Amino acid sequence: MSAAPIGTFPGVGPVTRGWLEEAGIGTVADLQSMGSVEAYRRLKFMFPKRVSLNALYGLEAALRGCHWLDLPPP
């Protein structure tokens, strides 16, 4: 796992980075250890009107190292 700042993770833009940092997810290792669903749940709780389901897709794609359109179907 990487102690690199979350903003260095491919696919995590400045807005999402800010939300993640406010939610206490400051490193790539933080995101990897909790997973995309828990990270999304935290963001949705903190920013219910601003965070959409696209954030979940983006976080999962970042963890898998792919574009969100390349995620396998559920």
PDB file of N, CA and C in Angstrom:
ATOM      1  N   MET A   1       0.841  -1.184   0.000  1.00  0.00           N
ATOM      2  CA  MET A   1       0.000   0.000   0.000  1.00  0.00           C
ATOM      3  C   MET A   1       0.882   1.243   0.000  1.00  0.00           C
ATOM      4  N   SER A   2       0.315   2.282  -0.552  1.00  0.00           N
ATOM      5  CA  SER A   2       1.089   3.500  -0.748  1.00  0.00           C
ATOM      6  C   SER A   2       0.665   4.597   0.219  1.00  0.00           C
ATOM      7  N   ALA A   3       1.662   5.237   0.796  1.00  0.00           N
ATOM      8  CA  ALA A   3       1.410   6.377   1.672  1.00  0.00           C
ATOM      9  C   ALA A   3       1.361   7.672   0.868  1.00  0.00           C
ATOM     10  N   ALA A   4       1.312   7.554  -0.469  1.00  0.00           N
ATOM     11  CA  ALA A   4       1.248   8.730  -1.332  1.00  0.00           C
ATOM     12  C   ALA A   4      -0.052   9.485  -1.076  1.00  0.00           C
ATOM     13  N   PRO A   5      -0.011  10.802  -1.206  1.00  0.00           N
ATOM     14  CA  PRO A   5      -1.236  11.588  -1.029  1.00  0.00           C
ATOM     15  C   PRO A   5      -2.313  11.150  -2.025  1.00  0.00           C
ATOM     16  N   ILE A   6      -3.554  11.219  -1.590  1.00  0.00           N
ATOM     17  CA  ILE A   6      -4.672  10.756  -2.415  1.00  0.00           C
ATOM     18  C   ILE A   6      -4.745  11.506  -3.736  1.00  0.00           C
ATOM     19  N   GLY A   7      -4.299  12.737  -3.782  1.00  0.00           N
ATOM     20  CA  GLY A   7      -4.331  13.520  -5.011  1.00  0.00           C
ATOM     21  C   GLY A   7      -3.401  13.010  -6.097  1.00  0.00           C
ATOM     22  N   THR A   8      -2.461  12.136  -5.745  1.00  0.00           N
ATOM     23  CA  THR A   8      -1.544  11.582  -6.735  1.00  0.00           C
ATOM     24  C   THR A   8      -2.105  10.334  -7.399  1.00  0.00           C
ATOM     25  N   PHE A   9      -3.237   9.841  -6.902  1.00  0.00           N
ATOM     26  CA  PHE A   9      -3.848   8.620  -7.422  1.00  0.00           C
ATOM     27  C   PHE A   9      -4.518   8.930  -8.751  1.00  0.00           C
ATOM     28  N   PRO A  10      -4.171   8.223  -9.836  1.00  0.00           N
ATOM     29  CA  PRO A  10      -4.808   8.488 -11.129  1.00  0.00           C
ATOM     30  C   PRO A  10      -6.330   8.324 -11.038  1.00  0.00           C
ATOM     31  N   GLY A  11      -7.043   9.258 -11.625  1.00  0.00           N
ATOM     32  CA  GLY A  11      -8.495   9.191 -11.623  1.00  0.00           C
ATOM     33  C   GLY A  11      -9.152   9.955 -10.487  1.00  0.00           C
ATOM     34  N   VAL A  12      -8.372  10.472  -9.558  1.00  0.00           N
ATOM     35  CA  VAL A  12      -8.921  11.270  -8.453  1.00  0.00           C
ATOM     36  C   VAL A  12      -8.588  12.726  -8.735  1.00  0.00           C
ATOM     37  N   GLY A  13      -9.602  13.474  -9.134  1.00  0.00           N
ATOM     38  CA  GLY A  13      -9.415  14.881  -9.460  1.00  0.00           C
ATOM     39  C   GLY A  13      -9.434  15.769  -8.231  1.00  0.00           C
ATOM     40  N   PRO A  14      -9.256  17.062  -8.428  1.00  0.00           N
ATOM     41  CA  PRO A  14      -9.145  17.984  -7.298  1.00  0.00           C
ATOM     42  C   PRO A  14     -10.403  18.069  -6.423  1.00  0.00           C
ATOM     43  N   VAL A  15     -11.576  18.007  -7.010  1.00  0.00           N
ATOM     44  CA  VAL A  15     -12.802  18.093  -6.206  1.00  0.00           C
ATOM     45  C   VAL A  15     -12.943  16.837  -5.348  1.00  0.00           C
ATOM     46  N   THR A  16     -12.801  15.677  -5.962  1.00  0.00           N
ATOM     47  CA  THR A  16     -12.905  14.422  -5.213  1.00  0.00           C
ATOM     48  C   THR A  16     -11.796  14.335  -4.167  1.00  0.00           C
ATOM     49  N   ARG A  17     -10.605  14.788  -4.508  1.00  0.00           N
ATOM     50  CA  ARG A  17      -9.496  14.791  -3.552  1.00  0.00           C
ATOM     51  C   ARG A  17      -9.874  15.595  -2.313  1.00  0.00           C
ATOM     52  N   GLY A  18     -10.455  16.765  -2.522  1.00  0.00           N
ATOM     53  CA  GLY A  18     -10.867  17.595  -1.397  1.00  0.00           C
ATOM     54  C   GLY A  18     -11.896  16.913  -0.520  1.00  0.00           C
ATOM     55  N   TRP A  19     -12.880  16.281  -1.162  1.00  0.00           N
ATOM     56  CA  TRP A  19     -13.904  15.551  -0.393  1.00  0.00           C
ATOM     57  C   TRP A  19     -13.275  14.420   0.398  1.00  0.00           C
ATOM     58  N   LEU A  20     -12.390  13.659  -0.246  1.00  0.00           N
ATOM     59  CA  LEU A  20     -11.756  12.521   0.430  1.00  0.00           C
ATOM     60  C   LEU A  20     -10.928  12.996   1.621  1.00  0.00           C
ATOM     61  N   GLU A  21     -10.176  14.065   1.429  1.00  0.00           N
ATOM     62  CA  GLU A  21      -9.365  14.585   2.533  1.00  0.00           C
ATOM     63  C   GLU A  21     -10.241  15.055   3.687  1.00  0.00           C
ATOM     64  N   GLU A  22     -11.350  15.717   3.378  1.00  0.00           N
ATOM     65  CA  GLU A  22     -12.271  16.148   4.446  1.00  0.00           C
ATOM     66  C   GLU A  22     -12.883  14.960   5.177  1.00  0.00           C
ATOM     67  N   ALA A  23     -13.006  13.836   4.485  1.00  0.00           N
ATOM     68  CA  ALA A  23     -13.562  12.618   5.090  1.00  0.00           C
ATOM     69  C   ALA A  23     -12.494  11.795   5.806  1.00  0.00           C
ATOM     70  N   GLY A  24     -11.267  12.318   5.858  1.00  0.00           N
ATOM     71  CA  GLY A  24     -10.196  11.613   6.561  1.00  0.00           C
ATOM     72  C   GLY A  24      -9.485  10.562   5.722  1.00  0.00           C
ATOM     73  N   ILE A  25      -9.673  10.629   4.419  1.00  0.00           N
ATOM     74  CA  ILE A  25      -9.036   9.679   3.504  1.00  0.00           C
ATOM     75  C   ILE A  25      -7.957  10.467   2.763  1.00  0.00           C
ATOM     76  N   GLY A  26      -6.764  10.502   3.340  1.00  0.00           N
ATOM     77  CA  GLY A  26      -5.716  11.374   2.822  1.00  0.00           C
ATOM     78  C   GLY A  26      -4.652  10.704   1.987  1.00  0.00           C
ATOM     79  N   THR A  27      -4.602   9.384   2.028  1.00  0.00           N
ATOM     80  CA  THR A  27      -3.569   8.681   1.270  1.00  0.00           C
ATOM     81  C   THR A  27      -4.192   7.585   0.412  1.00  0.00           C
ATOM     82  N   VAL A  28      -3.416   7.145  -0.560  1.00  0.00           N
ATOM     83  CA  VAL A  28      -3.837   6.031  -1.405  1.00  0.00           C
ATOM     84  C   VAL A  28      -4.067   4.794  -0.539  1.00  0.00           C
ATOM     85  N   ALA A  29      -3.218   4.587   0.453  1.00  0.00           N
ATOM     86  CA  ALA A  29      -3.363   3.437   1.351  1.00  0.00           C
ATOM     87  C   ALA A  29      -4.679   3.489   2.119  1.00  0.00           C
ATOM     88  N   ASP A  30      -5.091   4.687   2.528  1.00  0.00           N
ATOM     89  CA  ASP A  30      -6.384   4.830   3.221  1.00  0.00           C
ATOM     90  C   ASP A  30      -7.517   4.322   2.336  1.00  0.00           C
ATOM     91  N   LEU A  31      -7.519   4.758   1.081  1.00  0.00           N
ATOM     92  CA  LEU A  31      -8.567   4.356   0.150  1.00  0.00           C
ATOM     93  C   LEU A  31      -8.495   2.859  -0.136  1.00  0.00           C
ATOM     94  N   GLN A  32      -7.294   2.343  -0.334  1.00  0.00           N
ATOM     95  CA  GLN A  32      -7.146   0.919  -0.617  1.00  0.00           C
ATOM     96  C   GLN A  32      -7.615   0.057   0.547  1.00  0.00           C
ATOM     97  N   SER A  33      -7.320   0.476   1.761  1.00  0.00           N
ATOM     98  CA  SER A  33      -7.679  -0.350   2.917  1.00  0.00           C
ATOM     99  C   SER A  33      -9.181  -0.348   3.196  1.00  0.00           C
ATOM    100  N   MET A  34      -9.876   0.764   2.900  1.00  0.00           N
ATOM    101  CA  MET A  34     -11.310   0.798   3.187  1.00  0.00           C
ATOM    102  C   MET A  34     -12.155   0.400   1.986  1.00  0.00           C
ATOM    103  N   GLY A  35     -11.620   0.563   0.796  1.00  0.00           N
ATOM    104  CA  GLY A  35     -12.368   0.193  -0.398  1.00  0.00           C
ATOM    105  C   GLY A  35     -13.274   1.312  -0.881  1.00  0.00           C
ATOM    106  N   SER A  36     -13.725   1.165  -2.107  1.00  0.00           N
ATOM    107  CA  SER A  36     -14.506   2.220  -2.751  1.00  0.00           C
ATOM    108  C   SER A  36     -15.889   2.398  -2.131  1.00  0.00           C
ATOM    109  N   VAL A  37     -16.521   1.316  -1.719  1.00  0.00           N
ATOM    110  CA  VAL A  37     -17.886   1.422  -1.183  1.00  0.00           C
ATOM    111  C   VAL A  37     -17.894   2.195   0.130  1.00  0.00           C
ATOM    112  N   GLU A  38     -16.983   1.879   1.029  1.00  0.00           N
ATOM    113  CA  GLU A  38     -16.929   2.598   2.307  1.00  0.00           C
ATOM    114  C   GLU A  38     -16.544   4.056   2.094  1.00  0.00           C
ATOM    115  N   ALA A  39     -15.614   4.311   1.200  1.00  0.00           N
ATOM    116  CA  ALA A  39     -15.214   5.691   0.915  1.00  0.00           C
ATOM    117  C   ALA A  39     -16.409   6.464   0.353  1.00  0.00           C
ATOM    118  N   TYR A  40     -17.133   5.858  -0.581  1.00  0.00           N
ATOM    119  CA  TYR A  40     -18.317   6.492  -1.160  1.00  0.00           C
ATOM    120  C   TYR A  40     -19.371   6.734  -0.075  1.00  0.00           C
ATOM    121  N   ARG A  41     -19.584   5.769   0.781  1.00  0.00           N
ATOM    122  CA  ARG A  41     -20.569   5.913   1.852  1.00  0.00           C
ATOM    123  C   ARG A  41     -20.244   7.126   2.730  1.00  0.00           C
ATOM    124  N   ARG A  42     -18.966   7.283   3.053  1.00  0.00           N
ATOM    125  CA  ARG A  42     -18.544   8.433   3.865  1.00  0.00           C
ATOM    126  C   ARG A  42     -18.775   9.748   3.128  1.00  0.00           C
ATOM    127  N   LEU A  43     -18.393   9.769   1.856  1.00  0.00           N
ATOM    128  CA  LEU A  43     -18.576  10.997   1.074  1.00  0.00           C
ATOM    129  C   LEU A  43     -20.050  11.348   0.939  1.00  0.00           C
ATOM    130  N   LYS A  44     -20.873  10.357   0.679  1.00  0.00           N
ATOM    131  CA  LYS A  44     -22.311  10.588   0.507  1.00  0.00           C
ATOM    132  C   LYS A  44     -22.943  11.093   1.805  1.00  0.00           C
ATOM    133  N   PHE A  45     -22.473  10.599   2.941  1.00  0.00           N
ATOM    134  CA  PHE A  45     -22.969  11.053   4.235  1.00  0.00           C
ATOM    135  C   PHE A  45     -22.581  12.514   4.478  1.00  0.00           C
ATOM    136  N   MET A  46     -21.332  12.850   4.139  1.00  0.00           N
ATOM    137  CA  MET A  46     -20.835  14.202   4.405  1.00  0.00           C
ATOM    138  C   MET A  46     -21.335  15.237   3.403  1.00  0.00           C
ATOM    139  N   PHE A  47     -21.486  14.822   2.158  1.00  0.00           N
ATOM    140  CA  PHE A  47     -21.858  15.746   1.088  1.00  0.00           C
ATOM    141  C   PHE A  47     -23.021  15.174   0.275  1.00  0.00           C
ATOM    142  N   PRO A  48     -24.181  14.977   0.889  1.00  0.00           N
ATOM    143  CA  PRO A  48     -25.274  14.241   0.232  1.00  0.00           C
ATOM    144  C   PRO A  48     -25.771  14.847  -1.075  1.00  0.00           C
ATOM    145  N   LYS A  49     -25.744  16.151  -1.203  1.00  0.00           N
ATOM    146  CA  LYS A  49     -26.267  16.771  -2.423  1.00  0.00           C
ATOM    147  C   LYS A  49     -25.204  16.902  -3.512  1.00  0.00           C
ATOM    148  N   ARG A  50     -23.944  16.783  -3.145  1.00  0.00           N
ATOM    149  CA  ARG A  50     -22.874  16.983  -4.121  1.00  0.00           C
ATOM    150  C   ARG A  50     -22.295  15.686  -4.664  1.00  0.00           C
ATOM    151  N   VAL A  51     -22.341  14.623  -3.888  1.00  0.00           N
ATOM    152  CA  VAL A  51     -21.725  13.357  -4.292  1.00  0.00           C
ATOM    153  C   VAL A  51     -22.761  12.472  -4.982  1.00  0.00           C
ATOM    154  N   SER A  52     -22.436  12.052  -6.194  1.00  0.00           N
ATOM    155  CA  SER A  52     -23.346  11.182  -6.949  1.00  0.00           C
ATOM    156  C   SER A  52     -22.745   9.781  -7.043  1.00  0.00           C
ATOM    157  N   LEU A  53     -23.506   8.896  -7.622  1.00  0.00           N
ATOM    158  CA  LEU A  53     -23.054   7.526  -7.813  1.00  0.00           C
ATOM    159  C   LEU A  53     -21.811   7.464  -8.696  1.00  0.00           C
ATOM    160  N   ASN A  54     -21.604   8.483  -9.513  1.00  0.00           N
ATOM    161  CA  ASN A  54     -20.399   8.527 -10.341  1.00  0.00           C
ATOM    162  C   ASN A  54     -19.136   8.513  -9.495  1.00  0.00           C
ATOM    163  N   ALA A  55     -19.198   9.058  -8.285  1.00  0.00           N
ATOM    164  CA  ALA A  55     -18.038   9.029  -7.395  1.00  0.00           C
ATOM    165  C   ALA A  55     -17.661   7.596  -7.050  1.00  0.00           C
ATOM    166  N   LEU A  56     -18.655   6.759  -6.807  1.00  0.00           N
ATOM    167  CA  LEU A  56     -18.382   5.348  -6.512  1.00  0.00           C
ATOM    168  C   LEU A  56     -17.704   4.682  -7.696  1.00  0.00           C
ATOM    169  N   TYR A  57     -18.240   4.920  -8.893  1.00  0.00           N
ATOM    170  CA  TYR A  57     -17.634   4.328 -10.087  1.00  0.00           C
ATOM    171  C   TYR A  57     -16.198   4.812 -10.261  1.00  0.00           C
ATOM    172  N   GLY A  58     -15.975   6.091 -10.051  1.00  0.00           N
ATOM    173  CA  GLY A  58     -14.633   6.648 -10.199  1.00  0.00           C
ATOM    174  C   GLY A  58     -13.649   6.093  -9.184  1.00  0.00           C
ATOM    175  N   LEU A  59     -14.093   5.950  -7.938  1.00  0.00           N
ATOM    176  CA  LEU A  59     -13.210   5.407  -6.904  1.00  0.00           C
ATOM    177  C   LEU A  59     -12.865   3.951  -7.182  1.00  0.00           C
ATOM    178  N   GLU A  60     -13.851   3.171  -7.574  1.00  0.00           N
ATOM    179  CA  GLU A  60     -13.598   1.762  -7.875  1.00  0.00           C
ATOM    180  C   GLU A  60     -12.667   1.632  -9.078  1.00  0.00           C
ATOM    181  N   ALA A  61     -12.896   2.444 -10.096  1.00  0.00           N
ATOM    182  CA  ALA A  61     -12.032   2.400 -11.273  1.00  0.00           C
ATOM    183  C   ALA A  61     -10.601   2.800 -10.912  1.00  0.00           C
ATOM    184  N   ALA A  62     -10.447   3.815 -10.059  1.00  0.00           N
ATOM    185  CA  ALA A  62      -9.110   4.225  -9.635  1.00  0.00           C
ATOM    186  C   ALA A  62      -8.407   3.078  -8.916  1.00  0.00           C
ATOM    187  N   LEU A  63      -9.125   2.393  -8.042  1.00  0.00           N
ATOM    188  CA  LEU A  63      -8.523   1.266  -7.320  1.00  0.00           C
ATOM    189  C   LEU A  63      -8.133   0.130  -8.262  1.00  0.00           C
ATOM    190  N   ARG A  64      -8.908  -0.068  -9.316  1.00  0.00           N
ATOM    191  CA  ARG A  64      -8.625  -1.143 -10.272  1.00  0.00           C
ATOM    192  C   ARG A  64      -7.651  -0.722 -11.370  1.00  0.00           C
ATOM    193  N   GLY A  65      -7.389   0.588 -11.453  1.00  0.00           N
ATOM    194  CA  GLY A  65      -6.471   1.082 -12.470  1.00  0.00           C
ATOM    195  C   GLY A  65      -7.057   1.092 -13.864  1.00  0.00           C
ATOM    196  N   CYS A  66      -8.359   1.383 -13.964  1.00  0.00           N
ATOM    197  CA  CYS A  66      -9.002   1.410 -15.274  1.00  0.00           C
ATOM    198  C   CYS A  66      -9.923   2.623 -15.355  1.00  0.00           C
ATOM    199  N   HIS A  67     -10.494   2.834 -16.518  1.00  0.00           N
ATOM    200  CA  HIS A  67     -11.492   3.884 -16.706  1.00  0.00           C
ATOM    201  C   HIS A  67     -12.812   3.356 -16.155  1.00  0.00           C
ATOM    202  N   TRP A  68     -13.652   4.240 -15.628  1.00  0.00           N
ATOM    203  CA  TRP A  68     -14.904   3.764 -15.011  1.00  0.00           C
ATOM    204  C   TRP A  68     -15.810   3.062 -16.020  1.00  0.00           C
ATOM    205  N   LEU A  69     -15.702   3.409 -17.298  1.00  0.00           N
ATOM    206  CA  LEU A  69     -16.519   2.710 -18.309  1.00  0.00           C
ATOM    207  C   LEU A  69     -16.074   1.268 -18.545  1.00  0.00           C
ATOM    208  N   ASP A  70     -14.856   0.948 -18.105  1.00  0.00           N
ATOM    209  CA  ASP A  70     -14.337  -0.407 -18.271  1.00  0.00           C
ATOM    210  C   ASP A  70     -14.617  -1.311 -17.073  1.00  0.00           C
ATOM    211  N   LEU A  71     -15.327  -0.809 -16.076  1.00  0.00           N
ATOM    212  CA  LEU A  71     -15.674  -1.644 -14.924  1.00  0.00           C
ATOM    213  C   LEU A  71     -16.603  -2.766 -15.367  1.00  0.00           C
ATOM    214  N   PRO A  72     -16.435  -3.952 -14.798  1.00  0.00           N
ATOM    215  CA  PRO A  72     -17.348  -5.046 -15.158  1.00  0.00           C
ATOM    216  C   PRO A  72     -18.744  -4.772 -14.613  1.00  0.00           C
ATOM    217  N   PRO A  73     -19.769  -5.326 -15.252  1.00  0.00           N
ATOM    218  CA  PRO A  73     -21.129  -5.130 -14.737  1.00  0.00           C
ATOM    219  C   PRO A  73     -21.286  -5.785 -13.365  1.00  0.00           C
ATOM    220  N   PRO A  74     -22.211  -5.251 -12.562  1.00  0.00           N
ATOM    221  CA  PRO A  74     -22.400  -5.811 -11.201  1.00  0.00           C
ATOM    222  C   PRO A  74     -22.917  -7.243 -11.229  1.00  0.00           C
TER     223      PRO A  74
END
